[in-house]
Amino acid sequence: MNPQVSPHFTLNEFTKGRLTPTVEQYGNIIQMARWLEKVRDRVGPVIISSGIRSAERNGEVGGTDRSYHLYWGPGIAAVDIVSSTTSPLALAQACVDVGGFDSVIWERADRPWPVKGINDGMPWVHVQIGSNPRGLTFTAVPKDKALWGNIDKETRPVQVYSPGLKVPT
């Protein structure tokens, strides 16, 4: 069984069929799906590449033990999303425009786009929602890469969480 949790998203897109969510997690999935529908309204189809994870799966993909992908507690949810029709930068900007998020991270901003199809090599956007959204935006690249750009329309300085990254001035 793979129920629709919103007009364009199903439960399995969030769980990848690897776990059965708790009642609380299911509520958070519906909350995130509604939020993603707003993003989809701006940029077209959105693909969830990772949603709620077991600790084992989180370790397999290199996630931290503090990942929002693991916890999905009261009002908390996290997804990684991509699009085959919209650049990661445009996707991240659409997320920022929707608002009401805890953080939006344009991951692997150093990688080229477009690529042929959806695969593990393309950049993605990580989105967290929470009961007390902070509205943080980040651009993440490996520490040996330079960063040129910003996903924030208001041109505030980019907040970078990659250790050792040198941001050009």
C-alpha atoms as a PDB file:
ATOM      1  CA  MET A   1       0.000   0.000   0.000  1.00  0.00           C
ATOM      2  CA  ASN A   2       1.292   3.435  -0.986  1.00  0.00           C
ATOM      3  CA  PRO A   3      -1.245   6.114  -0.010  1.00  0.00           C
ATOM      4  CA  GLN A   4      -1.247   9.621  -1.438  1.00  0.00           C
ATOM      5  CA  VAL A   5      -0.252  12.123   1.246  1.00  0.00           C
ATOM      6  CA  SER A   6      -0.924  15.108  -1.027  1.00  0.00           C
ATOM      7  CA  PRO A   7      -2.018  15.567  -4.654  1.00  0.00           C
ATOM      8  CA  HIS A   8       1.480  14.838  -6.034  1.00  0.00           C
ATOM      9  CA  PHE A   9       3.321  12.891  -3.302  1.00  0.00           C
ATOM     10  CA  THR A  10       2.955   9.381  -1.882  1.00  0.00           C
ATOM     11  CA  LEU A  11       4.027   7.875   1.417  1.00  0.00           C
ATOM     12  CA  ASN A  12       6.734   5.743  -0.227  1.00  0.00           C
ATOM     13  CA  GLU A  13       8.409   8.842  -1.633  1.00  0.00           C
ATOM     14  CA  PHE A  14       9.137   9.861   1.958  1.00  0.00           C
ATOM     15  CA  THR A  15      10.023   6.418   3.344  1.00  0.00           C
ATOM     16  CA  LYS A  16      11.394   4.694   0.223  1.00  0.00           C
ATOM     17  CA  GLY A  17       9.497   1.655   1.526  1.00  0.00           C
ATOM     18  CA  ARG A  18      12.173   1.098   4.183  1.00  0.00           C
ATOM     19  CA  LEU A  19      10.142   1.812   7.313  1.00  0.00           C
ATOM     20  CA  THR A  20       6.659   2.310   8.631  1.00  0.00           C
ATOM     21  CA  PRO A  21       6.238   5.776  10.115  1.00  0.00           C
ATOM     22  CA  THR A  22       4.738   6.358  13.537  1.00  0.00           C
ATOM     23  CA  VAL A  23       1.471   8.298  13.766  1.00  0.00           C
ATOM     24  CA  GLU A  24       3.447  11.444  14.634  1.00  0.00           C
ATOM     25  CA  GLN A  25       5.859  10.909  11.729  1.00  0.00           C
ATOM     26  CA  TYR A  26       2.937  10.341   9.361  1.00  0.00           C
ATOM     27  CA  GLY A  27       1.515  13.712  10.422  1.00  0.00           C
ATOM     28  CA  ASN A  28       4.881  15.323   9.719  1.00  0.00           C
ATOM     29  CA  ILE A  29       4.993  13.647   6.293  1.00  0.00           C
ATOM     30  CA  ILE A  30       1.631  15.199   5.455  1.00  0.00           C
ATOM     31  CA  GLN A  31       2.863  18.589   6.712  1.00  0.00           C
ATOM     32  CA  MET A  32       6.010  18.344   4.557  1.00  0.00           C
ATOM     33  CA  ALA A  33       4.008  17.151   1.529  1.00  0.00           C
ATOM     34  CA  ARG A  34       1.748  20.204   1.801  1.00  0.00           C
ATOM     35  CA  TRP A  35       4.805  22.446   1.992  1.00  0.00           C
ATOM     36  CA  LEU A  36       6.385  20.714  -1.030  1.00  0.00           C
ATOM     37  CA  GLU A  37       3.169  21.234  -3.016  1.00  0.00           C
ATOM     38  CA  LYS A  38       3.785  24.987  -2.676  1.00  0.00           C
ATOM     39  CA  VAL A  39       7.316  24.532  -4.035  1.00  0.00           C
ATOM     40  CA  ARG A  40       5.945  22.391  -6.865  1.00  0.00           C
ATOM     41  CA  ASP A  41       3.452  25.147  -7.729  1.00  0.00           C
ATOM     42  CA  ARG A  42       6.444  27.427  -8.390  1.00  0.00           C
ATOM     43  CA  VAL A  43       8.844  25.135 -10.268  1.00  0.00           C
ATOM     44  CA  GLY A  44       6.950  22.072 -11.472  1.00  0.00           C
ATOM     45  CA  PRO A  45       7.669  18.454 -10.544  1.00  0.00           C
ATOM     46  CA  VAL A  46       9.838  17.844  -7.484  1.00  0.00           C
ATOM     47  CA  ILE A  47      11.438  14.488  -6.715  1.00  0.00           C
ATOM     48  CA  ILE A  48      12.126  13.413  -3.129  1.00  0.00           C
ATOM     49  CA  SER A  49      15.497  11.657  -3.176  1.00  0.00           C
ATOM     50  CA  SER A  50      15.576  11.119   0.594  1.00  0.00           C
ATOM     51  CA  GLY A  51      13.044  11.583   3.374  1.00  0.00           C
ATOM     52  CA  ILE A  52      12.713   9.921   6.747  1.00  0.00           C
ATOM     53  CA  ARG A  53      15.591   7.499   7.390  1.00  0.00           C
ATOM     54  CA  SER A  54      16.386   4.675   9.750  1.00  0.00           C
ATOM     55  CA  ALA A  55      19.675   5.001  11.644  1.00  0.00           C
ATOM     56  CA  GLU A  56      21.103   2.242   9.446  1.00  0.00           C
ATOM     57  CA  ARG A  57      20.147   4.010   6.210  1.00  0.00           C
ATOM     58  CA  ASN A  58      21.392   7.330   7.544  1.00  0.00           C
ATOM     59  CA  GLY A  59      24.804   5.743   8.168  1.00  0.00           C
ATOM     60  CA  GLU A  60      24.838   4.220   4.678  1.00  0.00           C
ATOM     61  CA  VAL A  61      24.382   7.625   3.056  1.00  0.00           C
ATOM     62  CA  GLY A  62      26.877   9.396   5.331  1.00  0.00           C
ATOM     63  CA  GLY A  63      24.309  11.345   7.375  1.00  0.00           C
ATOM     64  CA  THR A  64      25.190  12.734  10.789  1.00  0.00           C
ATOM     65  CA  ASP A  65      23.675  11.403  13.995  1.00  0.00           C
ATOM     66  CA  ARG A  66      21.928  14.791  14.388  1.00  0.00           C
ATOM     67  CA  SER A  67      20.268  14.665  10.966  1.00  0.00           C
ATOM     68  CA  TYR A  68      16.668  15.847  10.782  1.00  0.00           C
ATOM     69  CA  HIS A  69      16.179  12.874   8.425  1.00  0.00           C
ATOM     70  CA  LEU A  70      16.379  10.668  11.543  1.00  0.00           C
ATOM     71  CA  TYR A  71      14.263  12.417  14.103  1.00  0.00           C
ATOM     72  CA  TRP A  72      11.050  13.619  12.560  1.00  0.00           C
ATOM     73  CA  GLY A  73       9.831  14.583  16.034  1.00  0.00           C
ATOM     74  CA  PRO A  74       6.967  16.961  16.836  1.00  0.00           C
ATOM     75  CA  GLY A  75       6.516  19.118  13.740  1.00  0.00           C
ATOM     76  CA  ILE A  76       9.994  18.218  12.422  1.00  0.00           C
ATOM     77  CA  ALA A  77      10.668  16.847   8.942  1.00  0.00           C
ATOM     78  CA  ALA A  78      13.520  16.826   6.422  1.00  0.00           C
ATOM     79  CA  VAL A  79      13.790  15.880   2.771  1.00  0.00           C
ATOM     80  CA  ASP A  80      16.348  16.055   0.005  1.00  0.00           C
ATOM     81  CA  ILE A  81      14.780  17.098  -3.283  1.00  0.00           C
ATOM     82  CA  VAL A  82      15.799  17.404  -6.921  1.00  0.00           C
ATOM     83  CA  SER A  83      14.147  18.333 -10.196  1.00  0.00           C
ATOM     84  CA  SER A  84      14.841  17.150 -13.722  1.00  0.00           C
ATOM     85  CA  THR A  85      13.435  20.396 -15.144  1.00  0.00           C
ATOM     86  CA  THR A  86      14.682  23.107 -12.764  1.00  0.00           C
ATOM     87  CA  SER A  87      18.208  23.941 -11.662  1.00  0.00           C
ATOM     88  CA  PRO A  88      19.123  23.266  -8.026  1.00  0.00           C
ATOM     89  CA  LEU A  89      19.585  27.007  -7.515  1.00  0.00           C
ATOM     90  CA  ALA A  90      16.071  27.746  -8.833  1.00  0.00           C
ATOM     91  CA  LEU A  91      14.693  24.910  -6.705  1.00  0.00           C
ATOM     92  CA  ALA A  92      16.426  26.280  -3.591  1.00  0.00           C
ATOM     93  CA  GLN A  93      15.159  29.774  -4.362  1.00  0.00           C
ATOM     94  CA  ALA A  94      11.602  28.444  -4.741  1.00  0.00           C
ATOM     95  CA  CYS A  95      11.921  26.861  -1.289  1.00  0.00           C
ATOM     96  CA  VAL A  96      13.103  30.176   0.143  1.00  0.00           C
ATOM     97  CA  ASP A  97      10.215  31.975  -1.576  1.00  0.00           C
ATOM     98  CA  VAL A  98       7.659  29.586  -0.028  1.00  0.00           C
ATOM     99  CA  GLY A  99       8.982  30.446   3.446  1.00  0.00           C
ATOM    100  CA  GLY A 100       8.046  28.732   6.680  1.00  0.00           C
ATOM    101  CA  PHE A 101      11.144  26.507   6.638  1.00  0.00           C
ATOM    102  CA  ASP A 102      13.761  25.819   9.275  1.00  0.00           C
ATOM    103  CA  SER A 103      16.615  25.563   6.775  1.00  0.00           C
ATOM    104  CA  VAL A 104      17.218  25.243   3.054  1.00  0.00           C
ATOM    105  CA  ILE A 105      20.615  23.932   1.948  1.00  0.00           C
ATOM    106  CA  TRP A 106      21.785  23.828  -1.673  1.00  0.00           C
ATOM    107  CA  GLU A 107      24.020  20.754  -1.381  1.00  0.00           C
ATOM    108  CA  ARG A 108      26.993  20.105  -3.640  1.00  0.00           C
ATOM    109  CA  ALA A 109      26.701  23.477  -5.303  1.00  0.00           C
ATOM    110  CA  ASP A 110      30.065  22.774  -6.952  1.00  0.00           C
ATOM    111  CA  ARG A 111      28.608  20.061  -9.195  1.00  0.00           C
ATOM    112  CA  PRO A 112      27.393  20.858 -12.708  1.00  0.00           C
ATOM    113  CA  TRP A 113      23.768  20.955 -13.758  1.00  0.00           C
ATOM    114  CA  PRO A 114      21.987  19.750 -15.813  1.00  0.00           C
ATOM    115  CA  VAL A 115      22.924  16.124 -15.803  1.00  0.00           C
ATOM    116  CA  LYS A 116      21.333  13.287 -17.721  1.00  0.00           C
ATOM    117  CA  GLY A 117      18.507  12.072 -15.518  1.00  0.00           C
ATOM    118  CA  ILE A 118      18.271  12.002 -11.758  1.00  0.00           C
ATOM    119  CA  ASN A 119      21.266  10.359 -10.135  1.00  0.00           C
ATOM    120  CA  ASP A 120      23.474  10.461  -7.082  1.00  0.00           C
ATOM    121  CA  GLY A 121      25.944  12.785  -8.811  1.00  0.00           C
ATOM    122  CA  MET A 122      23.709  15.798  -9.174  1.00  0.00           C
ATOM    123  CA  PRO A 123      23.346  18.632  -6.685  1.00  0.00           C
ATOM    124  CA  TRP A 124      20.282  18.559  -4.456  1.00  0.00           C
ATOM    125  CA  VAL A 125      18.376  20.746  -2.035  1.00  0.00           C
ATOM    126  CA  HIS A 126      17.939  19.754   1.610  1.00  0.00           C
ATOM    127  CA  VAL A 127      14.872  21.214   3.316  1.00  0.00           C
ATOM    128  CA  GLN A 128      13.992  21.093   7.012  1.00  0.00           C
ATOM    129  CA  ILE A 129      10.750  22.247   8.522  1.00  0.00           C
ATOM    130  CA  GLY A 130      10.195  22.538  12.233  1.00  0.00           C
ATOM    131  CA  SER A 131       7.807  23.814  14.848  1.00  0.00           C
ATOM    132  CA  ASN A 132       9.981  26.934  15.291  1.00  0.00           C
ATOM    133  CA  PRO A 133      11.272  27.724  11.760  1.00  0.00           C
ATOM    134  CA  ARG A 134      14.507  29.717  11.710  1.00  0.00           C
ATOM    135  CA  GLY A 135      14.529  30.516   7.970  1.00  0.00           C
ATOM    136  CA  LEU A 136      18.221  29.658   7.538  1.00  0.00           C
ATOM    137  CA  THR A 137      19.742  29.382   4.057  1.00  0.00           C
ATOM    138  CA  PHE A 138      23.013  27.640   3.309  1.00  0.00           C
ATOM    139  CA  THR A 139      25.080  26.747   0.283  1.00  0.00           C
ATOM    140  CA  ALA A 140      27.246  23.689   0.818  1.00  0.00           C
ATOM    141  CA  VAL A 141      30.312  22.685  -1.144  1.00  0.00           C
ATOM    142  CA  PRO A 142      33.329  20.547  -0.236  1.00  0.00           C
ATOM    143  CA  LYS A 143      35.906  22.440   1.797  1.00  0.00           C
ATOM    144  CA  ASP A 144      38.394  22.454  -1.090  1.00  0.00           C
ATOM    145  CA  LYS A 145      36.011  24.324  -3.435  1.00  0.00           C
ATOM    146  CA  ALA A 146      35.434  28.059  -3.656  1.00  0.00           C
ATOM    147  CA  LEU A 147      31.904  29.388  -3.358  1.00  0.00           C
ATOM    148  CA  TRP A 148      30.488  32.014  -5.678  1.00  0.00           C
ATOM    149  CA  GLY A 149      26.805  32.716  -5.253  1.00  0.00           C
ATOM    150  CA  ASN A 150      23.879  32.999  -2.954  1.00  0.00           C
ATOM    151  CA  ILE A 151      20.393  31.535  -2.824  1.00  0.00           C
ATOM    152  CA  ASP A 152      19.031  34.528  -0.957  1.00  0.00           C
ATOM    153  CA  LYS A 153      17.382  37.211  -3.103  1.00  0.00           C
ATOM    154  CA  GLU A 154      18.182  39.860  -0.528  1.00  0.00           C
ATOM    155  CA  THR A 155      21.913  39.255  -1.105  1.00  0.00           C
ATOM    156  CA  ARG A 156      22.738  38.666   2.515  1.00  0.00           C
ATOM    157  CA  PRO A 157      26.072  36.897   2.955  1.00  0.00           C
ATOM    158  CA  VAL A 158      25.980  33.186   2.269  1.00  0.00           C
ATOM    159  CA  GLN A 159      26.033  31.108   5.431  1.00  0.00           C
ATOM    160  CA  VAL A 160      28.302  28.133   4.833  1.00  0.00           C
ATOM    161  CA  TYR A 161      28.506  25.084   7.027  1.00  0.00           C
ATOM    162  CA  SER A 162      31.306  23.233   5.241  1.00  0.00           C
ATOM    163  CA  PRO A 163      34.373  23.350   7.506  1.00  0.00           C
ATOM    164  CA  GLY A 164      37.420  25.066   6.075  1.00  0.00           C
ATOM    165  CA  LEU A 165      35.619  26.639   3.129  1.00  0.00           C
ATOM    166  CA  LYS A 166      37.062  29.900   1.903  1.00  0.00           C
ATOM    167  CA  VAL A 167      34.415  32.324   0.710  1.00  0.00           C
ATOM    168  CA  PRO A 168      35.644  34.950  -1.780  1.00  0.00           C
ATOM    169  CA  THR A 169      35.179  38.546  -0.650  1.00  0.00           C
END
